Amino acid sequence: MLKISEIESANHIVTLRLEGQVVGPWVAQLRNSCDNVLNEGRPLRLQFGEVEFLDQNGVVLMSNLQSRGVALVDCSPFVAEQLKATTNFT
């Protein structure tokens, strides 16, 4: 399960707070949420403090989003390692 909460800061950056796992059907759900913000031309960051795990598709999505200027913040050491270890595969 993945919970996505939108937080808009005073400087118009949209932060999506993620809780749970970025796996399976929730990867597409997160992609759609991010695309909605990015297609409006608004800056986006993803807060990963409560993300427990990403599957391979989730990691690929994060790589794609980073290439589009999305900031990933507050990653746990485990998630940071997942992202770092699999960047070479994308």
N, C-alpha and C. Protein backbone atom coordinates (compact mmCIF):
# COMPACT_ATOMS: atom_id res chain seq x y z
N MET A 1 0.84 -1.19 0.00
CA MET A 1 0.00 0.00 0.00
C MET A 1 0.88 1.24 0.00
N LEU A 2 0.41 2.30 -0.65
CA LEU A 2 1.14 3.55 -0.70
C LEU A 2 0.15 4.69 -0.46
N LYS A 3 0.46 5.52 0.52
CA LYS A 3 -0.34 6.71 0.79
C LYS A 3 0.44 7.91 0.25
N ILE A 4 -0.25 8.76 -0.52
CA ILE A 4 0.37 9.95 -1.10
C ILE A 4 -0.41 11.16 -0.59
N SER A 5 0.30 12.05 0.11
CA SER A 5 -0.32 13.27 0.62
C SER A 5 0.39 14.46 -0.01
N GLU A 6 -0.39 15.40 -0.54
CA GLU A 6 0.20 16.58 -1.17
C GLU A 6 0.32 17.71 -0.17
N ILE A 7 1.52 18.30 -0.14
CA ILE A 7 1.80 19.44 0.72
C ILE A 7 2.37 20.53 -0.17
N GLU A 8 1.74 21.68 -0.20
CA GLU A 8 2.27 22.79 -1.01
C GLU A 8 2.91 23.81 -0.08
N SER A 9 4.17 24.10 -0.32
CA SER A 9 4.87 25.05 0.53
C SER A 9 4.67 26.47 0.03
N ALA A 10 5.13 27.41 0.80
CA ALA A 10 4.96 28.83 0.48
C ALA A 10 5.66 29.22 -0.82
N ASN A 11 6.72 28.51 -1.18
CA ASN A 11 7.47 28.87 -2.40
C ASN A 11 6.95 28.12 -3.63
N HIS A 12 5.74 27.58 -3.56
CA HIS A 12 5.04 26.93 -4.67
C HIS A 12 5.63 25.59 -5.08
N ILE A 13 6.57 25.08 -4.32
CA ILE A 13 7.06 23.72 -4.58
C ILE A 13 6.04 22.75 -3.99
N VAL A 14 5.64 21.79 -4.78
CA VAL A 14 4.71 20.78 -4.30
C VAL A 14 5.53 19.63 -3.73
N THR A 15 5.20 19.24 -2.52
CA THR A 15 5.83 18.08 -1.90
C THR A 15 4.78 16.99 -1.77
N LEU A 16 5.13 15.82 -2.28
CA LEU A 16 4.27 14.65 -2.07
C LEU A 16 4.92 13.81 -0.99
N ARG A 17 4.21 13.66 0.11
CA ARG A 17 4.70 12.83 1.22
C ARG A 17 4.23 11.41 0.97
N LEU A 18 5.18 10.48 0.92
CA LEU A 18 4.89 9.09 0.62
C LEU A 18 5.01 8.25 1.87
N GLU A 19 4.06 7.33 2.04
CA GLU A 19 4.10 6.41 3.17
C GLU A 19 3.77 5.01 2.66
N GLY A 20 4.62 4.05 2.97
CA GLY A 20 4.36 2.66 2.57
C GLY A 20 5.41 2.14 1.62
N GLN A 21 4.94 1.45 0.57
CA GLN A 21 5.83 0.82 -0.39
C GLN A 21 5.49 1.28 -1.81
N VAL A 22 6.54 1.56 -2.58
CA VAL A 22 6.37 1.94 -3.98
C VAL A 22 6.58 0.66 -4.80
N VAL A 23 5.50 -0.11 -4.92
CA VAL A 23 5.56 -1.41 -5.59
C VAL A 23 4.28 -1.62 -6.38
N GLY A 24 4.37 -2.54 -7.35
CA GLY A 24 3.19 -2.97 -8.10
C GLY A 24 2.34 -1.82 -8.62
N PRO A 25 1.02 -1.88 -8.37
CA PRO A 25 0.11 -0.87 -8.93
C PRO A 25 0.33 0.53 -8.36
N TRP A 26 1.01 0.63 -7.24
CA TRP A 26 1.23 1.94 -6.63
C TRP A 26 2.30 2.73 -7.36
N VAL A 27 3.12 2.06 -8.15
CA VAL A 27 4.11 2.76 -8.98
C VAL A 27 3.36 3.62 -10.00
N ALA A 28 2.37 3.05 -10.65
CA ALA A 28 1.57 3.80 -11.63
C ALA A 28 0.80 4.92 -10.96
N GLN A 29 0.28 4.66 -9.77
CA GLN A 29 -0.45 5.69 -9.04
C GLN A 29 0.47 6.88 -8.73
N LEU A 30 1.68 6.59 -8.29
CA LEU A 30 2.64 7.65 -7.99
C LEU A 30 3.05 8.38 -9.26
N ARG A 31 3.27 7.65 -10.34
CA ARG A 31 3.63 8.27 -11.63
C ARG A 31 2.54 9.26 -12.04
N ASN A 32 1.29 8.86 -11.93
CA ASN A 32 0.18 9.75 -12.31
C ASN A 32 0.14 10.99 -11.43
N SER A 33 0.34 10.82 -10.14
CA SER A 33 0.33 11.96 -9.22
C SER A 33 1.45 12.93 -9.57
N CYS A 34 2.63 12.40 -9.86
CA CYS A 34 3.77 13.25 -10.22
C CYS A 34 3.55 13.93 -11.56
N ASP A 35 3.05 13.20 -12.53
CA ASP A 35 2.79 13.78 -13.85
C ASP A 35 1.79 14.93 -13.76
N ASN A 36 0.77 14.79 -12.92
CA ASN A 36 -0.21 15.87 -12.75
C ASN A 36 0.46 17.16 -12.32
N VAL A 37 1.38 17.06 -11.37
CA VAL A 37 2.08 18.25 -10.86
C VAL A 37 3.04 18.78 -11.92
N LEU A 38 3.85 17.90 -12.49
CA LEU A 38 4.87 18.32 -13.45
C LEU A 38 4.26 18.90 -14.73
N ASN A 39 3.13 18.36 -15.17
CA ASN A 39 2.48 18.86 -16.38
C ASN A 39 1.91 20.26 -16.17
N GLU A 40 1.71 20.65 -14.92
CA GLU A 40 1.28 22.01 -14.62
C GLU A 40 2.47 22.96 -14.55
N GLY A 41 3.68 22.43 -14.72
CA GLY A 41 4.89 23.25 -14.69
C GLY A 41 5.32 23.63 -13.28
N ARG A 42 4.85 22.89 -12.29
CA ARG A 42 5.19 23.19 -10.90
C ARG A 42 6.35 22.32 -10.44
N PRO A 43 7.27 22.89 -9.65
CA PRO A 43 8.37 22.09 -9.12
C PRO A 43 7.85 21.06 -8.12
N LEU A 44 8.51 19.91 -8.08
CA LEU A 44 8.04 18.79 -7.27
C LEU A 44 9.18 18.17 -6.49
N ARG A 45 8.87 17.78 -5.27
CA ARG A 45 9.80 16.95 -4.51
C ARG A 45 9.00 15.86 -3.82
N LEU A 46 9.65 14.74 -3.64
CA LEU A 46 9.03 13.58 -2.99
C LEU A 46 9.70 13.35 -1.65
N GLN A 47 8.89 13.29 -0.62
CA GLN A 47 9.40 13.06 0.74
C GLN A 47 9.28 11.56 1.04
N PHE A 48 10.42 10.93 1.23
CA PHE A 48 10.51 9.48 1.36
C PHE A 48 10.67 8.98 2.79
N GLY A 49 10.50 9.82 3.78
CA GLY A 49 10.77 9.45 5.17
C GLY A 49 10.06 8.20 5.65
N GLU A 50 8.89 7.93 5.10
CA GLU A 50 8.12 6.78 5.56
C GLU A 50 7.92 5.71 4.48
N VAL A 51 8.81 5.72 3.49
CA VAL A 51 8.79 4.68 2.46
C VAL A 51 9.67 3.53 2.92
N GLU A 52 9.11 2.34 2.90
CA GLU A 52 9.82 1.15 3.39
C GLU A 52 10.56 0.40 2.30
N PHE A 53 10.05 0.46 1.06
CA PHE A 53 10.62 -0.39 0.01
C PHE A 53 10.17 0.11 -1.36
N LEU A 54 11.02 -0.07 -2.36
CA LEU A 54 10.68 0.19 -3.76
C LEU A 54 11.01 -1.07 -4.55
N ASP A 55 10.10 -1.47 -5.45
CA ASP A 55 10.45 -2.57 -6.33
C ASP A 55 11.23 -1.99 -7.53
N GLN A 56 11.63 -2.85 -8.46
CA GLN A 56 12.46 -2.39 -9.58
C GLN A 56 11.75 -1.31 -10.39
N ASN A 57 10.45 -1.46 -10.62
CA ASN A 57 9.71 -0.45 -11.36
C ASN A 57 9.66 0.87 -10.60
N GLY A 58 9.57 0.79 -9.28
CA GLY A 58 9.59 1.99 -8.46
C GLY A 58 10.92 2.71 -8.55
N VAL A 59 12.00 1.96 -8.57
CA VAL A 59 13.34 2.54 -8.68
C VAL A 59 13.51 3.19 -10.05
N VAL A 60 13.04 2.53 -11.10
CA VAL A 60 13.12 3.10 -12.45
C VAL A 60 12.33 4.41 -12.51
N LEU A 61 11.14 4.41 -11.89
CA LEU A 61 10.34 5.64 -11.86
C LEU A 61 11.10 6.76 -11.16
N MET A 62 11.75 6.46 -10.04
CA MET A 62 12.50 7.49 -9.32
C MET A 62 13.62 8.05 -10.18
N SER A 63 14.30 7.19 -10.91
CA SER A 63 15.37 7.63 -11.79
C SER A 63 14.81 8.56 -12.87
N ASN A 64 13.68 8.18 -13.46
CA ASN A 64 13.05 9.02 -14.49
C ASN A 64 12.61 10.36 -13.92
N LEU A 65 12.04 10.33 -12.73
CA LEU A 65 11.57 11.57 -12.11
C LEU A 65 12.74 12.49 -11.78
N GLN A 66 13.84 11.90 -11.29
CA GLN A 66 15.01 12.72 -10.98
C GLN A 66 15.54 13.39 -12.25
N SER A 67 15.50 12.69 -13.37
CA SER A 67 15.97 13.28 -14.63
C SER A 67 15.05 14.41 -15.08
N ARG A 68 13.83 14.45 -14.54
CA ARG A 68 12.89 15.53 -14.85
C ARG A 68 12.95 16.65 -13.80
N GLY A 69 13.93 16.57 -12.90
CA GLY A 69 14.13 17.63 -11.93
C GLY A 69 13.43 17.45 -10.60
N VAL A 70 12.86 16.28 -10.37
CA VAL A 70 12.17 16.01 -9.10
C VAL A 70 13.21 15.69 -8.03
N ALA A 71 13.07 16.32 -6.87
CA ALA A 71 13.98 16.08 -5.76
C ALA A 71 13.41 14.98 -4.87
N LEU A 72 14.28 14.07 -4.46
CA LEU A 72 13.90 13.01 -3.51
C LEU A 72 14.53 13.38 -2.18
N VAL A 73 13.71 13.56 -1.15
CA VAL A 73 14.23 14.01 0.14
C VAL A 73 13.83 13.05 1.25
N ASP A 74 14.64 13.08 2.31
CA ASP A 74 14.33 12.35 3.55
C ASP A 74 14.27 10.84 3.34
N CYS A 75 15.16 10.30 2.48
CA CYS A 75 15.19 8.86 2.25
C CYS A 75 15.82 8.15 3.44
N SER A 76 15.26 7.01 3.80
CA SER A 76 15.88 6.18 4.83
C SER A 76 17.17 5.60 4.25
N PRO A 77 18.09 5.17 5.09
CA PRO A 77 19.33 4.56 4.57
C PRO A 77 19.05 3.37 3.64
N PHE A 78 18.05 2.56 3.98
CA PHE A 78 17.72 1.40 3.15
C PHE A 78 17.25 1.83 1.77
N VAL A 79 16.31 2.77 1.71
CA VAL A 79 15.80 3.23 0.42
C VAL A 79 16.90 3.94 -0.37
N ALA A 80 17.72 4.71 0.30
CA ALA A 80 18.83 5.38 -0.38
C ALA A 80 19.75 4.35 -1.04
N GLU A 81 20.01 3.25 -0.34
CA GLU A 81 20.85 2.19 -0.91
C GLU A 81 20.17 1.52 -2.09
N GLN A 82 18.85 1.31 -1.98
CA GLN A 82 18.11 0.73 -3.11
C GLN A 82 18.27 1.61 -4.35
N LEU A 83 18.10 2.90 -4.15
CA LEU A 83 18.21 3.82 -5.28
C LEU A 83 19.62 3.87 -5.83
N LYS A 84 20.59 3.87 -4.95
CA LYS A 84 21.99 3.94 -5.38
C LYS A 84 22.42 2.64 -6.06
N ALA A 85 22.02 1.50 -5.52
CA ALA A 85 22.47 0.21 -6.04
C ALA A 85 21.88 -0.09 -7.40
N THR A 86 20.71 0.42 -7.69
CA THR A 86 20.06 0.06 -8.95
C THR A 86 20.18 1.14 -10.01
N THR A 87 20.78 2.25 -9.69
CA THR A 87 20.92 3.32 -10.70
C THR A 87 21.72 2.83 -11.89
N ASN A 88 22.62 1.91 -11.67
CA ASN A 88 23.46 1.41 -12.76
C ASN A 88 22.66 0.56 -13.75
N PHE A 89 21.49 0.09 -13.37
CA PHE A 89 20.69 -0.76 -14.25
C PHE A 89 19.80 0.07 -15.17
N THR A 90 19.61 1.35 -14.89
CA THR A 90 18.69 2.14 -15.70
C THR A 90 19.44 2.97 -16.71
